[in-house]
Amino acid sequence: MGGGGKPSTGTAELRAQMGAFLRGEGDSRALVEAVRGAELLLPLLGEGAVWTADSDDIRWLFAFTGTREMHTFLQQKWEAAEPGELPAELARYARYVAVNGEELLHELLPAWVGRDRVPMGVVVDVSSESRVFLPPVSGIVPDRIALDKQSVTDGEVVAW
């Protein structure tokens, strides 16, 4: 998908599901399936770390359905920053990686949770009115990292 290009079919379906959810007409399973089928953009910080924020003992990964949505978020971050904290060009020249939603939820999140030992969910298009939070629960993420299941690592129950 590149800067300003037409969204992929999966991304268009995700945006439609997000809108339906906002209107109270959405189905959570259809929304999660749309996330899995979409291409998502993850803005990168510094040495290639993805952009996250911690809230209530959960780390939230910021994912975006397009460069416009990502740039809106980054521009808001820049405007809210202390002078000199973030370069003005951040929103325009941000580095990012495009990932498939299935890969994000079932491969990348478990790897990051395993590394950092912090429960992790995803928020899609955090700066838009149709933002969607995908908490780390079964049906969204693998059971081994889901907060509503006992996570087992190396034969031991891990309490988050």
N, C-alpha and C. Protein backbone atom coordinates (compact mmCIF):
# COMPACT_ATOMS: atom_id res chain seq x y z
N MET A 1 0.85 -1.16 0.00
CA MET A 1 0.00 0.00 0.00
C MET A 1 0.88 1.20 0.00
N GLY A 2 1.33 1.98 -0.28
CA GLY A 2 2.26 3.05 -0.14
C GLY A 2 1.58 4.33 0.21
N GLY A 3 2.35 5.40 0.24
CA GLY A 3 1.81 6.68 0.64
C GLY A 3 0.74 7.19 -0.29
N GLY A 4 -0.47 7.25 0.13
CA GLY A 4 -1.56 7.81 -0.66
C GLY A 4 -2.17 6.86 -1.65
N GLY A 5 -1.65 5.64 -1.75
CA GLY A 5 -2.21 4.69 -2.70
C GLY A 5 -3.55 4.16 -2.25
N LYS A 6 -4.19 3.45 -3.14
CA LYS A 6 -5.48 2.85 -2.84
C LYS A 6 -5.30 1.71 -1.83
N PRO A 7 -6.15 1.64 -0.79
CA PRO A 7 -5.98 0.58 0.20
C PRO A 7 -6.25 -0.79 -0.41
N SER A 8 -5.61 -1.81 0.16
CA SER A 8 -5.85 -3.17 -0.30
C SER A 8 -7.29 -3.56 0.02
N THR A 9 -7.75 -4.63 -0.62
CA THR A 9 -9.11 -5.12 -0.37
C THR A 9 -9.30 -5.42 1.10
N GLY A 10 -8.30 -6.06 1.73
CA GLY A 10 -8.37 -6.39 3.15
C GLY A 10 -8.45 -5.15 4.02
N THR A 11 -7.70 -4.13 3.66
CA THR A 11 -7.72 -2.89 4.43
C THR A 11 -9.05 -2.18 4.27
N ALA A 12 -9.60 -2.17 3.07
CA ALA A 12 -10.92 -1.55 2.85
C ALA A 12 -11.99 -2.28 3.67
N GLU A 13 -11.91 -3.61 3.72
CA GLU A 13 -12.86 -4.38 4.52
C GLU A 13 -12.71 -4.05 6.01
N LEU A 14 -11.47 -3.91 6.48
CA LEU A 14 -11.25 -3.55 7.88
C LEU A 14 -11.85 -2.19 8.19
N ARG A 15 -11.62 -1.22 7.33
CA ARG A 15 -12.20 0.11 7.56
C ARG A 15 -13.73 0.05 7.58
N ALA A 16 -14.32 -0.75 6.72
CA ALA A 16 -15.78 -0.91 6.71
C ALA A 16 -16.26 -1.55 8.02
N GLN A 17 -15.56 -2.56 8.50
CA GLN A 17 -15.92 -3.21 9.76
C GLN A 17 -15.75 -2.25 10.95
N MET A 18 -14.70 -1.44 10.92
CA MET A 18 -14.49 -0.46 11.99
C MET A 18 -15.64 0.54 12.02
N GLY A 19 -16.06 1.02 10.83
CA GLY A 19 -17.19 1.95 10.76
C GLY A 19 -18.47 1.33 11.27
N ALA A 20 -18.72 0.06 10.90
CA ALA A 20 -19.92 -0.63 11.37
C ALA A 20 -19.88 -0.77 12.89
N PHE A 21 -18.73 -1.06 13.43
CA PHE A 21 -18.60 -1.20 14.88
C PHE A 21 -18.90 0.12 15.57
N LEU A 22 -18.39 1.20 15.01
CA LEU A 22 -18.63 2.53 15.58
C LEU A 22 -20.12 2.87 15.58
N ARG A 23 -20.82 2.46 14.56
CA ARG A 23 -22.26 2.72 14.47
C ARG A 23 -23.08 1.75 15.32
N GLY A 24 -22.44 0.81 15.98
CA GLY A 24 -23.15 -0.17 16.80
C GLY A 24 -23.73 -1.32 15.99
N GLU A 25 -23.29 -1.47 14.75
CA GLU A 25 -23.81 -2.51 13.87
C GLU A 25 -22.78 -3.62 13.64
N GLY A 26 -21.64 -3.51 14.28
CA GLY A 26 -20.55 -4.43 14.00
C GLY A 26 -20.66 -5.76 14.71
N ASP A 27 -19.93 -6.71 14.20
CA ASP A 27 -19.82 -8.04 14.77
C ASP A 27 -18.35 -8.23 15.14
N SER A 28 -18.07 -8.55 16.39
CA SER A 28 -16.69 -8.61 16.85
C SER A 28 -15.88 -9.67 16.09
N ARG A 29 -16.49 -10.79 15.77
CA ARG A 29 -15.75 -11.82 15.03
C ARG A 29 -15.39 -11.35 13.62
N ALA A 30 -16.33 -10.66 12.97
CA ALA A 30 -16.06 -10.14 11.63
C ALA A 30 -14.96 -9.07 11.69
N LEU A 31 -14.97 -8.27 12.74
CA LEU A 31 -13.94 -7.25 12.90
C LEU A 31 -12.56 -7.89 13.05
N VAL A 32 -12.45 -8.89 13.91
CA VAL A 32 -11.15 -9.56 14.12
C VAL A 32 -10.70 -10.23 12.83
N GLU A 33 -11.61 -10.85 12.11
CA GLU A 33 -11.25 -11.47 10.83
C GLU A 33 -10.77 -10.42 9.83
N ALA A 34 -11.40 -9.25 9.85
CA ALA A 34 -10.98 -8.18 8.95
C ALA A 34 -9.57 -7.69 9.31
N VAL A 35 -9.28 -7.62 10.61
CA VAL A 35 -7.93 -7.24 11.04
C VAL A 35 -6.93 -8.26 10.51
N ARG A 36 -7.26 -9.54 10.65
CA ARG A 36 -6.35 -10.60 10.20
C ARG A 36 -6.08 -10.54 8.69
N GLY A 37 -7.04 -10.06 7.92
CA GLY A 37 -6.89 -10.02 6.47
C GLY A 37 -6.35 -8.71 5.93
N ALA A 38 -6.08 -7.76 6.80
CA ALA A 38 -5.65 -6.43 6.36
C ALA A 38 -4.14 -6.26 6.44
N GLU A 39 -3.66 -5.33 5.64
CA GLU A 39 -2.28 -4.88 5.77
C GLU A 39 -2.29 -3.71 6.74
N LEU A 40 -1.44 -3.77 7.75
CA LEU A 40 -1.37 -2.72 8.76
C LEU A 40 0.02 -2.10 8.77
N LEU A 41 0.07 -0.82 9.06
CA LEU A 41 1.34 -0.10 9.13
C LEU A 41 1.72 0.13 10.59
N LEU A 42 2.96 -0.19 10.92
CA LEU A 42 3.48 0.01 12.27
C LEU A 42 4.60 1.04 12.20
N PRO A 43 4.40 2.24 12.79
CA PRO A 43 5.46 3.24 12.77
C PRO A 43 6.64 2.77 13.63
N LEU A 44 7.83 3.10 13.17
CA LEU A 44 9.04 2.68 13.86
C LEU A 44 9.69 3.85 14.58
N LEU A 45 10.28 3.55 15.71
CA LEU A 45 11.01 4.53 16.50
C LEU A 45 12.48 4.16 16.50
N GLY A 46 13.33 5.13 16.51
CA GLY A 46 14.75 4.92 16.70
C GLY A 46 15.33 3.71 15.99
N GLU A 47 15.74 2.73 16.75
CA GLU A 47 16.44 1.55 16.23
C GLU A 47 15.49 0.51 15.67
N GLY A 48 14.34 0.90 15.18
CA GLY A 48 13.41 -0.04 14.59
C GLY A 48 12.37 -0.57 15.56
N ALA A 49 12.31 -0.03 16.77
CA ALA A 49 11.28 -0.43 17.72
C ALA A 49 9.93 0.08 17.24
N VAL A 50 8.89 -0.70 17.47
CA VAL A 50 7.55 -0.26 17.09
C VAL A 50 7.01 0.69 18.16
N TRP A 51 6.05 1.52 17.76
CA TRP A 51 5.49 2.54 18.65
C TRP A 51 4.42 1.90 19.51
N THR A 52 4.60 1.98 20.83
CA THR A 52 3.64 1.43 21.78
C THR A 52 3.43 2.41 22.93
N ALA A 53 2.41 2.14 23.74
CA ALA A 53 2.17 2.88 24.97
C ALA A 53 1.61 1.91 26.00
N ASP A 54 2.00 2.10 27.25
CA ASP A 54 1.51 1.25 28.33
C ASP A 54 0.36 1.93 29.06
N SER A 55 -0.68 1.14 29.34
CA SER A 55 -1.84 1.64 30.08
C SER A 55 -2.49 0.48 30.82
N ASP A 56 -2.67 0.64 32.12
CA ASP A 56 -3.33 -0.38 32.94
C ASP A 56 -2.70 -1.76 32.74
N ASP A 57 -1.38 -1.84 32.84
CA ASP A 57 -0.63 -3.10 32.77
C ASP A 57 -0.72 -3.81 31.42
N ILE A 58 -1.15 -3.11 30.40
CA ILE A 58 -1.17 -3.67 29.04
C ILE A 58 -0.38 -2.74 28.15
N ARG A 59 0.44 -3.31 27.30
CA ARG A 59 1.16 -2.53 26.29
C ARG A 59 0.31 -2.54 25.03
N TRP A 60 0.03 -1.36 24.51
CA TRP A 60 -0.79 -1.21 23.31
C TRP A 60 0.11 -0.85 22.14
N LEU A 61 0.05 -1.65 21.11
CA LEU A 61 0.79 -1.43 19.88
C LEU A 61 -0.08 -0.60 18.95
N PHE A 62 0.49 0.46 18.37
CA PHE A 62 -0.24 1.31 17.44
C PHE A 62 -0.08 0.78 16.03
N ALA A 63 -1.20 0.46 15.38
CA ALA A 63 -1.22 -0.01 14.00
C ALA A 63 -2.18 0.88 13.22
N PHE A 64 -1.89 1.04 11.93
CA PHE A 64 -2.68 1.96 11.13
C PHE A 64 -3.09 1.32 9.81
N THR A 65 -4.27 1.73 9.33
CA THR A 65 -4.79 1.18 8.08
C THR A 65 -4.21 1.89 6.85
N GLY A 66 -3.51 2.98 7.04
CA GLY A 66 -2.91 3.70 5.92
C GLY A 66 -1.96 4.78 6.39
N THR A 67 -1.21 5.33 5.45
CA THR A 67 -0.24 6.35 5.81
C THR A 67 -0.92 7.63 6.30
N ARG A 68 -2.09 7.95 5.74
CA ARG A 68 -2.79 9.16 6.19
C ARG A 68 -3.14 9.06 7.68
N GLU A 69 -3.67 7.91 8.10
CA GLU A 69 -4.05 7.70 9.50
C GLU A 69 -2.81 7.72 10.40
N MET A 70 -1.73 7.12 9.92
CA MET A 70 -0.49 7.11 10.69
C MET A 70 0.08 8.52 10.81
N HIS A 71 0.09 9.26 9.72
CA HIS A 71 0.63 10.62 9.74
C HIS A 71 -0.20 11.54 10.64
N THR A 72 -1.51 11.35 10.68
CA THR A 72 -2.36 12.14 11.59
C THR A 72 -1.92 11.92 13.03
N PHE A 73 -1.74 10.66 13.40
CA PHE A 73 -1.27 10.32 14.75
C PHE A 73 0.08 10.96 15.04
N LEU A 74 1.03 10.81 14.12
CA LEU A 74 2.37 11.34 14.35
C LEU A 74 2.37 12.87 14.42
N GLN A 75 1.53 13.50 13.60
CA GLN A 75 1.42 14.96 13.65
C GLN A 75 0.86 15.40 15.00
N GLN A 76 -0.13 14.70 15.52
CA GLN A 76 -0.69 15.03 16.83
C GLN A 76 0.37 14.85 17.92
N LYS A 77 1.18 13.80 17.81
CA LYS A 77 2.26 13.59 18.77
C LYS A 77 3.25 14.74 18.72
N TRP A 78 3.59 15.17 17.51
CA TRP A 78 4.54 16.25 17.36
C TRP A 78 3.98 17.54 17.96
N GLU A 79 2.71 17.85 17.68
CA GLU A 79 2.11 19.08 18.19
C GLU A 79 2.00 19.08 19.71
N ALA A 80 1.86 17.90 20.33
CA ALA A 80 1.72 17.80 21.78
C ALA A 80 3.08 17.74 22.50
N ALA A 81 4.15 17.54 21.75
CA ALA A 81 5.47 17.37 22.35
C ALA A 81 6.04 18.71 22.82
N GLU A 82 6.93 18.62 23.77
CA GLU A 82 7.68 19.80 24.20
C GLU A 82 8.57 20.25 23.05
N PRO A 83 8.84 21.54 22.94
CA PRO A 83 9.71 22.02 21.86
C PRO A 83 11.04 21.26 21.84
N GLY A 84 11.42 20.83 20.65
CA GLY A 84 12.67 20.11 20.50
C GLY A 84 12.59 18.62 20.79
N GLU A 85 11.46 18.16 21.34
CA GLU A 85 11.34 16.75 21.71
C GLU A 85 11.20 15.86 20.48
N LEU A 86 10.42 16.29 19.50
CA LEU A 86 10.23 15.53 18.26
C LEU A 86 10.49 16.45 17.08
N PRO A 87 11.18 15.98 16.07
CA PRO A 87 11.42 16.84 14.90
C PRO A 87 10.12 17.10 14.14
N ALA A 88 10.00 18.28 13.58
CA ALA A 88 8.80 18.68 12.85
C ALA A 88 8.52 17.76 11.66
N GLU A 89 9.55 17.16 11.10
CA GLU A 89 9.39 16.32 9.92
C GLU A 89 8.91 14.92 10.25
N LEU A 90 8.75 14.62 11.53
CA LEU A 90 8.42 13.26 11.96
C LEU A 90 7.22 12.70 11.21
N ALA A 91 6.14 13.46 11.15
CA ALA A 91 4.92 12.96 10.54
C ALA A 91 5.10 12.67 9.05
N ARG A 92 5.88 13.52 8.38
CA ARG A 92 6.03 13.35 6.94
C ARG A 92 7.03 12.27 6.55
N TYR A 93 8.06 12.10 7.36
CA TYR A 93 9.15 11.19 6.98
C TYR A 93 9.27 9.98 7.90
N ALA A 94 8.19 9.61 8.49
CA ALA A 94 8.21 8.49 9.42
C ALA A 94 8.57 7.19 8.71
N ARG A 95 9.34 6.38 9.38
CA ARG A 95 9.63 5.04 8.90
C ARG A 95 8.57 4.12 9.47
N TYR A 96 8.20 3.13 8.68
CA TYR A 96 7.21 2.18 9.14
C TYR A 96 7.41 0.85 8.45
N VAL A 97 6.78 -0.16 8.98
CA VAL A 97 6.79 -1.48 8.37
C VAL A 97 5.34 -1.88 8.13
N ALA A 98 5.08 -2.50 6.99
CA ALA A 98 3.75 -3.01 6.66
C ALA A 98 3.72 -4.49 7.01
N VAL A 99 2.69 -4.90 7.75
CA VAL A 99 2.55 -6.30 8.15
C VAL A 99 1.12 -6.76 7.90
N ASN A 100 0.97 -8.04 7.69
CA ASN A 100 -0.35 -8.64 7.58
C ASN A 100 -0.90 -8.79 9.00
N GLY A 101 -2.19 -8.52 9.18
CA GLY A 101 -2.81 -8.60 10.49
C GLY A 101 -2.70 -9.97 11.14
N GLU A 102 -2.82 -11.01 10.33
CA GLU A 102 -2.67 -12.38 10.84
C GLU A 102 -1.27 -12.58 11.42
N GLU A 103 -0.28 -12.14 10.69
CA GLU A 103 1.11 -12.24 11.16
C GLU A 103 1.31 -11.43 12.44
N LEU A 104 0.73 -10.24 12.48
CA LEU A 104 0.86 -9.39 13.65
C LEU A 104 0.29 -10.06 14.89
N LEU A 105 -0.95 -10.55 14.79
CA LEU A 105 -1.62 -11.12 15.95
C LEU A 105 -1.07 -12.47 16.38
N HIS A 106 -0.64 -13.27 15.43
CA HIS A 106 -0.28 -14.66 15.77
C HIS A 106 1.21 -14.96 15.77
N GLU A 107 2.03 -14.04 15.26
CA GLU A 107 3.48 -14.27 15.27
C GLU A 107 4.22 -13.17 16.01
N LEU A 108 3.99 -11.92 15.60
CA LEU A 108 4.75 -10.82 16.18
C LEU A 108 4.37 -10.54 17.63
N LEU A 109 3.08 -10.43 17.93
CA LEU A 109 2.68 -10.18 19.32
C LEU A 109 3.20 -11.25 20.27
N PRO A 110 3.01 -12.54 19.98
CA PRO A 110 3.55 -13.55 20.89
C PRO A 110 5.06 -13.44 21.09
N ALA A 111 5.78 -13.08 20.03
CA ALA A 111 7.23 -12.92 20.16
C ALA A 111 7.57 -11.75 21.09
N TRP A 112 6.88 -10.62 20.92
CA TRP A 112 7.15 -9.47 21.77
C TRP A 112 6.73 -9.72 23.22
N VAL A 113 5.60 -10.38 23.40
CA VAL A 113 5.15 -10.71 24.76
C VAL A 113 6.15 -11.66 25.41
N GLY A 114 6.62 -12.64 24.67
CA GLY A 114 7.62 -13.56 25.20
C GLY A 114 8.91 -12.87 25.58
N ARG A 115 9.30 -11.89 24.79
CA ARG A 115 10.54 -11.15 25.06
C ARG A 115 10.40 -10.19 26.24
N ASP A 116 9.30 -9.41 26.25
CA ASP A 116 9.15 -8.34 27.24
C ASP A 116 8.37 -8.74 28.48
N ARG A 117 7.66 -9.87 28.42
CA ARG A 117 6.85 -10.37 29.53
C ARG A 117 5.78 -9.36 29.95
N VAL A 118 5.21 -8.67 28.96
CA VAL A 118 4.14 -7.69 29.19
C VAL A 118 2.99 -8.02 28.25
N PRO A 119 1.76 -8.16 28.76
CA PRO A 119 0.61 -8.40 27.88
C PRO A 119 0.50 -7.28 26.85
N MET A 120 0.16 -7.65 25.61
CA MET A 120 0.13 -6.66 24.55
C MET A 120 -1.12 -6.81 23.69
N GLY A 121 -1.80 -5.69 23.47
CA GLY A 121 -2.93 -5.61 22.57
C GLY A 121 -2.60 -4.66 21.44
N VAL A 122 -3.55 -4.48 20.54
CA VAL A 122 -3.35 -3.62 19.37
C VAL A 122 -4.47 -2.60 19.33
N VAL A 123 -4.12 -1.37 19.03
CA VAL A 123 -5.12 -0.35 18.75
C VAL A 123 -4.89 0.10 17.30
N VAL A 124 -5.96 0.02 16.52
CA VAL A 124 -5.90 0.35 15.10
C VAL A 124 -6.43 1.77 14.90
N ASP A 125 -5.66 2.59 14.20
CA ASP A 125 -6.03 3.98 13.89
C ASP A 125 -6.41 4.76 15.15
N VAL A 126 -5.49 4.79 16.11
CA VAL A 126 -5.74 5.38 17.42
C VAL A 126 -6.23 6.83 17.36
N SER A 127 -5.85 7.58 16.35
CA SER A 127 -6.24 8.99 16.27
C SER A 127 -7.56 9.22 15.54
N SER A 128 -8.18 8.17 15.04
CA SER A 128 -9.43 8.37 14.30
C SER A 128 -10.63 8.10 15.21
N GLU A 129 -11.77 8.59 14.78
CA GLU A 129 -13.01 8.36 15.54
C GLU A 129 -13.44 6.90 15.49
N SER A 130 -12.97 6.17 14.50
CA SER A 130 -13.36 4.77 14.38
C SER A 130 -12.29 3.82 14.90
N ARG A 131 -11.42 4.32 15.78
CA ARG A 131 -10.35 3.48 16.32
C ARG A 131 -10.92 2.22 16.97
N VAL A 132 -10.13 1.17 16.92
CA VAL A 132 -10.54 -0.12 17.46
C VAL A 132 -9.44 -0.65 18.36
N PHE A 133 -9.82 -1.08 19.55
CA PHE A 133 -8.89 -1.71 20.49
C PHE A 133 -9.09 -3.21 20.43
N LEU A 134 -8.00 -3.94 20.25
CA LEU A 134 -8.02 -5.40 20.24
C LEU A 134 -7.24 -5.86 21.47
N PRO A 135 -7.94 -6.14 22.56
CA PRO A 135 -7.24 -6.53 23.79
C PRO A 135 -6.63 -7.91 23.68
N PRO A 136 -5.66 -8.21 24.53
CA PRO A 136 -5.01 -9.52 24.49
C PRO A 136 -5.87 -10.60 25.15
N VAL A 137 -6.94 -10.99 24.47
CA VAL A 137 -7.84 -12.02 24.98
C VAL A 137 -8.00 -13.11 23.92
N SER A 138 -8.44 -14.29 24.37
CA SER A 138 -8.62 -15.39 23.43
C SER A 138 -9.63 -15.02 22.36
N GLY A 139 -9.42 -15.54 21.19
CA GLY A 139 -10.24 -15.19 20.03
C GLY A 139 -9.62 -14.07 19.23
N ILE A 140 -8.72 -13.31 19.86
CA ILE A 140 -8.00 -12.25 19.16
C ILE A 140 -6.53 -12.63 19.04
N VAL A 141 -5.92 -12.97 20.18
CA VAL A 141 -4.52 -13.39 20.19
C VAL A 141 -4.47 -14.87 20.56
N PRO A 142 -3.35 -15.53 20.32
CA PRO A 142 -3.24 -16.93 20.72
C PRO A 142 -3.46 -17.10 22.22
N ASP A 143 -4.07 -18.21 22.60
CA ASP A 143 -4.39 -18.47 24.01
C ASP A 143 -3.17 -18.36 24.92
N ARG A 144 -1.98 -18.70 24.42
CA ARG A 144 -0.79 -18.69 25.28
C ARG A 144 -0.41 -17.29 25.74
N ILE A 145 -0.92 -16.23 25.09
CA ILE A 145 -0.65 -14.87 25.56
C ILE A 145 -1.92 -14.12 25.93
N ALA A 146 -3.05 -14.83 25.95
CA ALA A 146 -4.34 -14.21 26.26
C ALA A 146 -4.48 -14.04 27.78
N LEU A 147 -4.97 -12.89 28.20
CA LEU A 147 -5.15 -12.61 29.62
C LEU A 147 -6.29 -13.40 30.24
N ASP A 148 -7.24 -13.86 29.44
CA ASP A 148 -8.38 -14.59 30.00
C ASP A 148 -8.13 -16.09 30.02
N LYS A 149 -6.92 -16.51 29.71
CA LYS A 149 -6.52 -17.92 29.77
C LYS A 149 -5.27 -18.01 30.62
N GLN A 150 -5.01 -19.17 31.15
CA GLN A 150 -3.75 -19.36 31.84
C GLN A 150 -2.67 -19.51 30.79
N SER A 151 -1.69 -18.65 30.84
CA SER A 151 -0.59 -18.73 29.90
C SER A 151 0.44 -19.70 30.44
N VAL A 152 0.88 -20.62 29.62
CA VAL A 152 1.84 -21.62 30.04
C VAL A 152 3.10 -21.47 29.22
N THR A 153 4.20 -21.32 29.93
CA THR A 153 5.50 -21.20 29.28
C THR A 153 6.45 -22.20 29.93
N ASP A 154 7.05 -23.05 29.14
CA ASP A 154 7.99 -24.04 29.65
C ASP A 154 7.40 -24.85 30.79
N GLY A 155 6.11 -25.17 30.68
CA GLY A 155 5.47 -26.03 31.68
C GLY A 155 5.06 -25.33 32.94
N GLU A 156 5.30 -24.04 33.05
CA GLU A 156 4.91 -23.31 34.25
C GLU A 156 3.81 -22.33 33.91
N VAL A 157 2.86 -22.19 34.81
CA VAL A 157 1.79 -21.20 34.61
C VAL A 157 2.40 -19.82 34.88
N VAL A 158 2.20 -18.94 33.93
CA VAL A 158 2.72 -17.58 34.06
C VAL A 158 1.57 -16.66 34.41
N ALA A 159 1.68 -15.95 35.50
CA ALA A 159 0.65 -14.98 35.88
C ALA A 159 1.09 -13.61 35.41
N TRP A 160 0.28 -12.98 34.60
CA TRP A 160 0.62 -11.63 34.14
C TRP A 160 0.28 -10.72 35.27
